[in-house]
Protein backbone atom coordinates (compact mmCIF):
# COMPACT_ATOMS: atom_id res chain seq x y z
CA MET A 1 7.53 -61.09 -26.58
CA ILE A 2 7.54 -60.44 -22.99
CA ASP A 3 4.34 -60.16 -21.25
CA LEU A 4 4.67 -56.80 -19.66
CA ASN A 5 1.56 -57.18 -17.50
CA LEU A 6 3.60 -59.65 -15.42
CA PHE A 7 5.36 -56.64 -14.17
CA ILE A 8 2.31 -54.65 -13.22
CA GLY A 9 0.75 -54.66 -9.83
CA LYS A 10 -2.91 -54.90 -9.37
CA GLU A 11 -2.78 -53.40 -5.94
CA ASN A 12 -1.15 -50.23 -7.29
CA THR A 13 -3.83 -48.28 -9.23
CA ARG A 14 -1.42 -45.48 -10.25
CA ILE A 15 0.78 -47.68 -12.42
CA ASN A 16 -1.59 -50.13 -13.65
CA ALA A 17 -0.73 -50.34 -17.46
CA PRO A 18 2.60 -50.28 -19.18
CA TRP A 19 3.76 -46.62 -20.38
CA GLU A 20 5.81 -45.09 -23.12
CA ASP A 21 8.67 -42.62 -22.69
CA GLY A 22 10.80 -41.73 -25.70
CA GLU A 23 11.84 -44.99 -27.35
CA HIS A 24 10.97 -47.30 -24.40
CA VAL A 25 8.03 -48.91 -23.06
CA PHE A 26 7.98 -49.47 -19.20
CA ALA A 27 5.88 -51.71 -16.79
CA SER A 28 6.20 -51.68 -13.03
CA ASN A 29 4.30 -52.50 -9.88
CA GLY A 30 6.70 -50.10 -7.57
CA HIS A 31 8.95 -53.00 -6.61
CA ILE A 32 10.14 -54.12 -10.05
CA LEU A 33 10.55 -52.36 -13.30
CA ILE A 34 10.85 -53.42 -16.85
CA ARG A 35 12.07 -51.33 -19.80
CA VAL A 36 11.91 -52.65 -23.39
CA LEU A 37 12.24 -50.80 -26.79
CA LYS A 38 9.12 -49.57 -28.42
CA ASP A 39 10.43 -50.63 -31.81
CA HIS A 40 10.26 -54.27 -30.80
CA GLY A 41 6.45 -54.10 -30.95
CA TYR A 42 5.64 -52.88 -27.41
CA SER A 43 3.27 -49.89 -26.47
CA GLY A 44 1.89 -48.51 -23.41
CA ASP A 45 -1.28 -46.22 -22.72
CA LEU A 46 -0.92 -45.14 -19.16
CA LYS A 47 -2.03 -41.84 -18.51
CA ASN A 48 0.15 -39.62 -16.11
CA PRO A 49 3.18 -42.09 -16.04
CA PRO A 50 5.84 -41.86 -13.62
CA ASN A 51 9.22 -39.93 -14.38
CA THR A 52 11.36 -42.69 -15.53
CA LYS A 53 14.67 -40.61 -15.57
CA CYS A 54 14.80 -40.92 -11.74
CA ILE A 55 13.84 -44.50 -11.54
CA VAL A 56 16.13 -46.14 -14.18
CA LYS A 57 19.84 -46.66 -13.37
CA ASP A 58 21.59 -47.47 -16.63
CA GLU A 59 25.12 -46.46 -15.82
CA GLY A 60 27.75 -47.96 -13.74
CA PRO A 61 30.01 -50.82 -13.34
CA PHE A 62 28.05 -53.61 -14.64
CA THR A 63 29.21 -57.25 -14.33
CA GLU A 64 28.21 -60.25 -16.18
CA THR A 65 25.43 -62.49 -15.21
CA SER A 66 23.36 -65.43 -16.63
CA PRO A 67 20.17 -67.43 -16.46
CA GLU A 68 22.33 -70.19 -14.81
CA GLU A 69 23.59 -67.76 -11.82
CA LEU A 70 19.91 -66.95 -11.14
CA ASN A 71 18.81 -70.39 -11.31
CA GLU A 72 21.51 -71.45 -8.93
CA ALA A 73 20.46 -68.70 -6.61
CA LEU A 74 16.65 -70.16 -6.71
CA ARG A 75 18.03 -73.38 -5.31
CA LYS A 76 19.03 -71.12 -2.23
CA VAL A 77 15.56 -70.09 -1.21
CA ILE A 78 15.25 -68.92 2.47
CA ASP A 79 11.64 -69.75 3.52
CA PHE A 80 10.80 -67.20 6.25
CA THR A 81 7.65 -69.08 7.35
CA GLU A 82 9.83 -71.60 9.26
CA PRO A 83 10.82 -69.88 12.36
CA ASN A 84 13.55 -70.61 15.06
CA ASN A 85 16.00 -72.27 12.66
CA PHE A 86 19.44 -71.46 12.41
CA ILE A 87 20.72 -71.85 8.95
CA ASP A 88 23.94 -70.82 7.07
CA CYS A 89 24.08 -67.02 6.23
CA PRO A 90 22.83 -66.98 2.74
CA VAL A 91 24.94 -64.13 1.78
CA CYS A 92 28.21 -65.23 2.76
CA ASP A 93 27.20 -69.17 2.80
CA GLY A 94 28.43 -69.55 6.37
CA ASN A 95 32.05 -68.14 5.38
CA ARG A 96 31.47 -65.10 7.56
CA MET A 97 33.32 -62.91 4.96
CA VAL A 98 32.06 -61.30 1.60
CA SER A 99 33.87 -59.72 -1.22
CA CYS A 100 34.17 -55.99 -0.72
CA ASN A 101 31.96 -54.29 -3.41
CA CYS A 102 33.50 -50.65 -3.40
CA PRO A 103 34.88 -49.40 -6.58
CA GLU A 104 37.88 -47.96 -4.97
CA CYS A 105 39.63 -51.45 -4.24
CA ASP A 106 38.19 -53.14 -7.35
CA ASN A 107 36.82 -56.08 -5.24
CA ASP A 108 40.28 -56.87 -4.20
CA HIS A 109 39.56 -57.68 -0.59
CA THR A 110 36.93 -59.12 1.77
CA ARG A 111 35.15 -57.76 4.81
CA GLU A 112 32.87 -59.09 7.58
CA CYS A 113 29.51 -60.32 6.26
CA TYR A 114 26.84 -57.36 6.93
CA PHE A 115 23.99 -59.71 7.05
CA CYS A 116 25.21 -62.20 9.79
CA ASN A 117 27.58 -59.80 11.32
CA GLY A 118 30.66 -62.18 10.84
CA ARG A 119 28.81 -65.09 12.55
CA GLY A 120 28.27 -67.44 9.65
CA ASP A 121 24.69 -68.34 10.45
CA VAL A 122 21.47 -66.58 11.05
CA GLN A 123 18.30 -67.48 13.09
CA ILE A 124 15.02 -66.77 11.26
CA LYS A 125 13.06 -66.26 14.58
CA ASP A 126 10.45 -63.69 13.78
CA ILE A 127 8.95 -62.95 10.45
CA ASP A 128 7.99 -59.37 11.29
CA LYS A 129 11.50 -58.60 12.42
CA GLU A 130 13.53 -60.75 10.04
CA ASP A 131 11.51 -60.14 6.89
CA PHE A 132 11.32 -56.45 6.76
CA TYR A 133 9.25 -56.45 3.47
CA ARG A 134 7.13 -59.26 4.55
CA VAL A 135 8.18 -61.40 1.43
CA ARG A 136 7.94 -64.86 2.53
CA LYS A 137 10.65 -66.21 0.65
CA GLY A 138 13.99 -64.37 -0.34
CA VAL A 139 16.44 -65.71 -2.82
CA PRO A 140 20.26 -64.73 -1.95
CA PHE A 141 21.85 -63.07 -4.99
CA ARG A 142 25.38 -61.90 -4.48
CA GLU A 143 25.45 -59.56 -1.51
CA THR A 144 21.82 -59.09 -1.35
CA ALA A 145 18.41 -60.86 -1.82
CA ILE A 146 15.56 -60.62 -4.28
CA ALA A 147 11.99 -61.61 -3.62
CA TYR A 148 11.16 -65.18 -4.81
CA ARG A 149 8.38 -64.11 -7.10
CA TYR A 150 10.69 -61.30 -8.53
CA MET A 151 13.80 -63.64 -9.07
CA THR A 152 11.63 -66.32 -10.92
CA LEU A 153 10.13 -63.57 -13.16
CA ILE A 154 13.80 -62.17 -13.85
CA SER A 155 15.08 -65.56 -14.47
CA ASP A 156 12.03 -66.39 -16.84
CA THR A 157 12.54 -63.27 -18.82
CA MET A 158 16.47 -63.85 -19.04
CA GLU A 159 15.71 -67.30 -20.53
CA GLN A 160 13.10 -65.76 -23.01
CA ILE A 161 15.72 -63.38 -24.22
CA CYS A 162 18.76 -65.20 -25.38
CA GLY A 163 22.10 -63.48 -25.29
CA ALA A 164 24.53 -62.12 -22.69
CA TRP A 165 23.22 -60.40 -19.57
CA GLU A 166 24.83 -58.07 -16.93
CA VAL A 167 23.87 -56.83 -13.62
CA LEU A 168 24.42 -53.66 -11.62
CA ILE A 169 24.01 -53.71 -7.81
CA THR A 170 24.10 -49.92 -6.78
CA GLY A 171 25.93 -48.31 -4.07
CA ARG A 172 23.83 -49.06 -0.71
CA LEU A 173 22.07 -51.76 -2.25
CA ASP A 174 18.96 -49.93 -3.21
CA THR A 175 18.41 -51.20 -6.58
CA ILE A 176 19.45 -54.16 -8.60
CA THR A 177 19.47 -54.00 -12.32
CA PHE A 178 19.62 -56.39 -14.94
CA ARG A 179 20.46 -55.45 -18.54
CA SER A 180 20.60 -57.55 -21.80
CA ILE A 181 23.44 -56.90 -24.02
CA GLY A 182 21.98 -55.98 -27.44
CA ALA A 183 18.27 -56.85 -26.86
CA GLY A 184 17.41 -53.46 -25.03
CA VAL A 185 15.74 -55.21 -22.13
CA LEU A 186 16.30 -53.63 -18.66
CA ILE A 187 14.96 -54.94 -15.36
CA SER A 188 15.32 -53.05 -12.09
CA VAL A 189 14.09 -54.61 -8.74
CA MET A 190 14.48 -53.41 -5.12
CA PRO A 191 16.10 -55.94 -2.87
CA VAL A 192 14.28 -57.61 0.04
CA TRP A 193 17.07 -57.31 2.79
CA PRO A 194 17.83 -54.26 4.32
CA LYS A 195 20.86 -51.94 3.60
CA PRO A 196 24.08 -52.84 5.20
CA ARG A 197 24.63 -50.84 8.55
């Protein structure tokens, strides 16, 4: 069984325990959320839980992913504690271009990388300006990035729940949702890098 307490933030006193909603049990710290099926042995006892209908994005064009893809991403960690370093852009890998992610074109063309503005490299010169969410390590994942501690938690969960997984990166990169196929597990996380301008 997944330890739902790993997804609960000690600093958030409003959501400090798992909660039930219909056939699901949820746990969250406000930045990452997990949803599991209640009939798989999970339960929750949070009083006055949040409205999960407006939190969980469960529809959309999911694409296949795997623990191997996340583990590969974990090898590209950007440490924001090392200032004044030019590095290859972790989003486009220094290629200056990224695949278009709009549903209209069905990923059929590329566009200038929004994170490096087509330069191919970025300079981490000031943590307060570059690391908007004060996350010391960010893991590049497709066209966004996930906080290192959340990426490892997602990767560990995916390895624990064997089978196929898929991912949905929603419209302006406000949420990244990982969903197991057949096991009833859904994880939703906020990215650590800002939305493209």
